[in-house]
Amino acid sequence: MTPIHEIIETGALQVNCQLLGSQEQGEAILIDPGGDAERLLKLLARLQLRLTHIINTHGHFDHIGAVAALQERTGALFWIHEADRFLVESAADHAGSWGLPFGAIPRIDRTIQDQETLMVAGLQLEVIGTPGHTPGGVCLRWEEGIAVGDTLFAGSVGRTDLPGGNTGQLMASIRDRLLPLGDALVCHPGHGPSTTIGRERRTNPYIRQGFDF
């Protein structure tokens, strides 16, 4: 059964929060809830879905802004890669350097690893390690698409001038972990419009300049 999939822009930096849900199970997960917890709770109620897990592609403050409030209201578990724990723990300081407020620091309930298969809310997600934007950056793939966080964007790639960034790692992650997934795969970035692997292979200037096809 095709999962419910909704994309909601959240928080001051307009992070694309991904809702994936199973109508059959009556459950859902959220990927990268950057803010606007009340709006996300209203969406879950409208869809009649219970939030069981929050899984993040990385730990930057703009992607975790609603996590603590959602944990408190729903009891959902928060999962993220261990290498980004320091980003979660320093989120308030990082937000403050942007002149933005930050609420409670979320509790990390479990860490995830590259090549894990997660069974959550009636869904199967493959964890694909893509360090570079952050040390613990991952992409989360389901049958119909992939949440690529801030690793890859339509026409661009993730920044590497933020804490933990590494340009060589980022480009290797795109080359070795994302491009082989096939041109038809739909990518849902952490900001901006969705795209496909094929479109980025053909038109993304950072990829075209960085790799010899």
Protein backbone atom coordinates (compact mmCIF):
# COMPACT_ATOMS: atom_id res chain seq x y z
CA MET A 1 0.00 0.00 0.00
CA THR A 2 1.35 3.44 -0.94
CA PRO A 3 2.07 5.41 2.25
CA ILE A 4 0.52 8.77 3.02
CA HIS A 5 3.15 11.38 2.22
CA GLU A 6 2.86 15.05 3.07
CA ILE A 7 5.49 17.80 2.94
CA ILE A 8 5.04 20.74 5.31
CA GLU A 9 7.35 23.75 5.46
CA THR A 10 8.22 24.35 9.11
CA GLY A 11 10.10 26.82 11.23
CA ALA A 12 11.83 30.11 10.55
CA LEU A 13 14.11 28.59 7.90
CA GLN A 14 11.27 26.77 6.08
CA VAL A 15 12.45 23.21 6.56
CA ASN A 16 10.53 20.59 4.60
CA CYS A 17 9.12 18.26 7.23
CA GLN A 18 8.10 14.92 5.72
CA LEU A 19 5.09 13.08 7.12
CA LEU A 20 4.91 9.42 6.21
CA GLY A 21 1.96 7.43 7.43
CA SER A 22 0.07 4.21 7.09
CA GLN A 23 -3.68 4.52 7.00
CA GLU A 24 -3.91 0.80 7.63
CA GLN A 25 -1.86 1.08 10.84
CA GLY A 26 -3.19 4.50 11.80
CA GLU A 27 0.38 5.59 12.55
CA ALA A 28 2.88 8.07 11.17
CA ILE A 29 6.45 9.28 11.42
CA LEU A 30 7.87 12.75 10.90
CA ILE A 31 11.23 13.42 9.27
CA ASP A 32 12.92 16.74 10.16
CA PRO A 33 10.17 18.66 12.01
CA GLY A 34 11.83 22.07 12.04
CA GLY A 35 9.14 23.92 13.97
CA ASP A 36 5.40 24.64 14.09
CA ALA A 37 4.59 21.72 16.37
CA GLU A 38 0.94 22.76 16.74
CA ARG A 39 0.44 22.79 12.98
CA LEU A 40 1.97 19.33 12.69
CA LEU A 41 -0.26 18.03 15.48
CA LYS A 42 -3.32 19.41 13.69
CA LEU A 43 -2.24 17.68 10.47
CA LEU A 44 -1.82 14.38 12.29
CA ALA A 45 -5.28 14.78 13.84
CA ARG A 46 -6.84 15.60 10.47
CA LEU A 47 -5.28 12.49 8.95
CA GLN A 48 -6.25 10.46 12.02
CA LEU A 49 -2.70 9.24 12.50
CA ARG A 50 -0.78 8.65 15.73
CA LEU A 51 2.82 9.88 15.70
CA THR A 52 5.17 7.07 16.76
CA HIS A 53 8.62 8.24 15.63
CA ILE A 54 10.57 11.34 14.66
CA ILE A 55 13.60 10.48 12.52
CA ASN A 56 16.02 13.16 11.44
CA THR A 57 18.33 13.33 8.45
CA HIS A 58 20.72 15.46 10.54
CA GLY A 59 20.92 17.48 13.72
CA HIS A 60 21.02 21.15 12.73
CA PHE A 61 18.80 23.33 14.90
CA ASP A 62 16.46 24.30 12.07
CA HIS A 63 15.56 20.62 11.49
CA ILE A 64 14.86 19.70 15.12
CA GLY A 65 12.98 22.75 16.37
CA ALA A 66 9.68 20.96 16.99
CA VAL A 67 11.05 17.65 18.23
CA ALA A 68 10.92 18.25 21.99
CA ALA A 69 7.38 19.65 21.88
CA LEU A 70 6.19 16.72 19.77
CA GLN A 71 7.87 14.24 22.12
CA GLU A 72 6.10 15.82 25.08
CA ARG A 73 2.68 15.89 23.40
CA THR A 74 2.75 12.48 21.68
CA GLY A 75 5.39 10.31 23.33
CA ALA A 76 7.03 9.81 19.93
CA LEU A 77 10.59 8.46 19.89
CA PHE A 78 13.37 10.58 18.40
CA TRP A 79 16.03 8.82 16.32
CA ILE A 80 19.14 10.35 14.75
CA HIS A 81 22.70 9.31 13.87
CA GLU A 82 25.09 9.29 16.83
CA ALA A 83 27.62 11.50 15.02
CA ASP A 84 25.12 14.39 15.09
CA ARG A 85 24.42 14.18 18.82
CA PHE A 86 26.70 17.18 19.43
CA LEU A 87 24.58 19.27 17.05
CA VAL A 88 21.39 18.38 18.90
CA GLU A 89 22.98 19.18 22.25
CA SER A 90 24.29 22.56 21.00
CA ALA A 91 21.16 23.53 19.05
CA ALA A 92 20.28 26.51 21.26
CA ASP A 93 23.75 28.03 20.85
CA HIS A 94 23.71 27.44 17.10
CA ALA A 95 20.24 28.99 16.76
CA GLY A 96 21.35 31.96 18.85
CA SER A 97 24.24 32.60 16.45
CA TRP A 98 21.56 33.10 13.77
CA GLY A 99 19.61 35.41 16.06
CA LEU A 100 16.86 32.82 16.49
CA PRO A 101 15.31 31.42 19.67
CA PHE A 102 15.30 27.71 20.46
CA GLY A 103 13.16 25.84 22.95
CA ALA A 104 13.89 22.62 24.82
CA ILE A 105 16.66 20.30 23.63
CA PRO A 106 15.07 17.03 22.47
CA ARG A 107 15.83 13.67 24.05
CA ILE A 108 17.56 11.22 21.71
CA ASP A 109 15.88 7.86 22.25
CA ARG A 110 17.92 5.79 19.79
CA THR A 111 20.70 6.27 17.27
CA ILE A 112 20.54 4.99 13.70
CA GLN A 113 23.29 3.70 11.43
CA ASP A 114 24.10 3.48 7.73
CA GLN A 115 22.47 0.48 5.99
CA GLU A 116 19.93 -0.08 8.74
CA THR A 117 16.40 -1.01 7.76
CA LEU A 118 13.87 0.67 10.03
CA MET A 119 10.38 -0.77 10.46
CA VAL A 120 8.23 2.06 11.81
CA ALA A 121 4.53 2.89 11.64
CA GLY A 122 3.90 0.13 9.13
CA LEU A 123 6.65 1.47 6.85
CA GLN A 124 10.07 0.25 5.80
CA LEU A 125 12.85 2.85 5.63
CA GLU A 126 16.40 2.29 4.47
CA VAL A 127 19.06 4.41 6.17
CA ILE A 128 21.72 5.64 3.72
CA GLY A 129 24.69 7.35 5.32
CA THR A 130 25.55 10.60 3.53
CA PRO A 131 28.02 12.56 5.69
CA GLY A 132 29.28 15.90 4.50
CA HIS A 133 26.67 18.50 5.38
CA THR A 134 27.03 17.10 8.90
CA PRO A 135 29.09 14.16 10.19
CA GLY A 136 25.99 12.06 10.87
CA GLY A 137 23.91 13.06 7.88
CA VAL A 138 21.68 10.33 6.46
CA CYS A 139 19.05 9.96 3.78
CA LEU A 140 15.90 7.93 4.41
CA ARG A 141 14.51 5.90 1.52
CA TRP A 142 11.11 4.28 1.16
CA GLU A 143 9.78 2.55 -1.94
CA GLU A 144 8.37 5.66 -3.59
CA GLY A 145 11.00 8.26 -2.67
CA ILE A 146 13.86 9.43 -0.50
CA ALA A 147 14.26 12.22 2.06
CA VAL A 148 17.69 13.64 1.27
CA GLY A 149 17.82 16.30 3.99
CA ASP A 150 20.37 18.98 3.21
CA THR A 151 22.67 16.68 1.25
CA LEU A 152 21.14 17.43 -2.16
CA PHE A 153 18.81 20.15 -3.43
CA ALA A 154 17.13 20.92 -6.73
CA GLY A 155 19.99 22.62 -8.56
CA SER A 156 22.34 22.71 -5.59
CA VAL A 157 24.03 20.73 -2.80
CA GLY A 158 24.29 21.13 0.95
CA ARG A 159 26.43 23.73 2.65
CA THR A 160 29.67 22.58 4.22
CA ASP A 161 30.62 25.80 6.03
CA LEU A 162 28.51 24.95 9.09
CA PRO A 163 29.70 22.96 12.14
CA GLY A 164 30.88 19.49 11.07
CA GLY A 165 30.69 20.18 7.33
CA ASN A 166 33.12 18.58 4.89
CA THR A 167 32.98 19.28 1.16
CA GLY A 168 34.90 16.17 0.09
CA GLN A 169 32.64 13.93 2.15
CA LEU A 170 29.51 15.60 0.82
CA MET A 171 30.43 15.17 -2.82
CA ALA A 172 31.54 11.57 -2.22
CA SER A 173 28.19 10.86 -0.53
CA ILE A 174 26.28 12.22 -3.52
CA ARG A 175 28.48 10.36 -6.02
CA ASP A 176 28.69 7.03 -4.22
CA ARG A 177 25.45 6.78 -2.26
CA LEU A 178 22.77 8.81 -4.09
CA LEU A 179 23.52 8.81 -7.81
CA PRO A 180 23.63 4.98 -8.03
CA LEU A 181 20.03 4.80 -6.74
CA GLY A 182 18.67 5.41 -10.24
CA ASP A 183 17.49 8.40 -12.23
CA ALA A 184 13.78 7.84 -11.59
CA LEU A 185 14.02 8.09 -7.80
CA VAL A 186 12.17 11.14 -6.43
CA CYS A 187 14.24 13.14 -3.93
CA HIS A 188 12.62 15.30 -1.25
CA PRO A 189 15.20 17.80 0.08
CA GLY A 190 15.20 19.56 3.42
CA HIS A 191 14.48 22.90 1.72
CA GLY A 192 12.94 23.81 -1.62
CA PRO A 193 11.22 21.71 -4.30
CA SER A 194 11.44 17.99 -4.88
CA THR A 195 13.52 16.67 -7.75
CA THR A 196 14.86 13.38 -9.15
CA ILE A 197 18.27 11.77 -9.24
CA GLY A 198 18.23 11.97 -13.04
CA ARG A 199 17.38 15.67 -13.15
CA GLU A 200 20.22 16.49 -10.78
CA ARG A 201 22.64 14.25 -12.64
CA ARG A 202 21.86 16.13 -15.87
CA THR A 203 21.43 19.72 -14.68
CA ASN A 204 22.88 20.30 -11.22
CA PRO A 205 25.97 22.50 -11.77
CA TYR A 206 27.72 21.28 -8.62
CA ILE A 207 27.38 17.67 -9.72
CA ARG A 208 28.28 18.35 -13.36
CA GLN A 209 31.39 20.30 -12.36
CA GLY A 210 32.38 17.86 -9.64
CA PHE A 211 32.07 14.54 -11.49
CA ASP A 212 33.19 13.28 -14.86
CA PHE A 213 30.20 11.57 -16.51
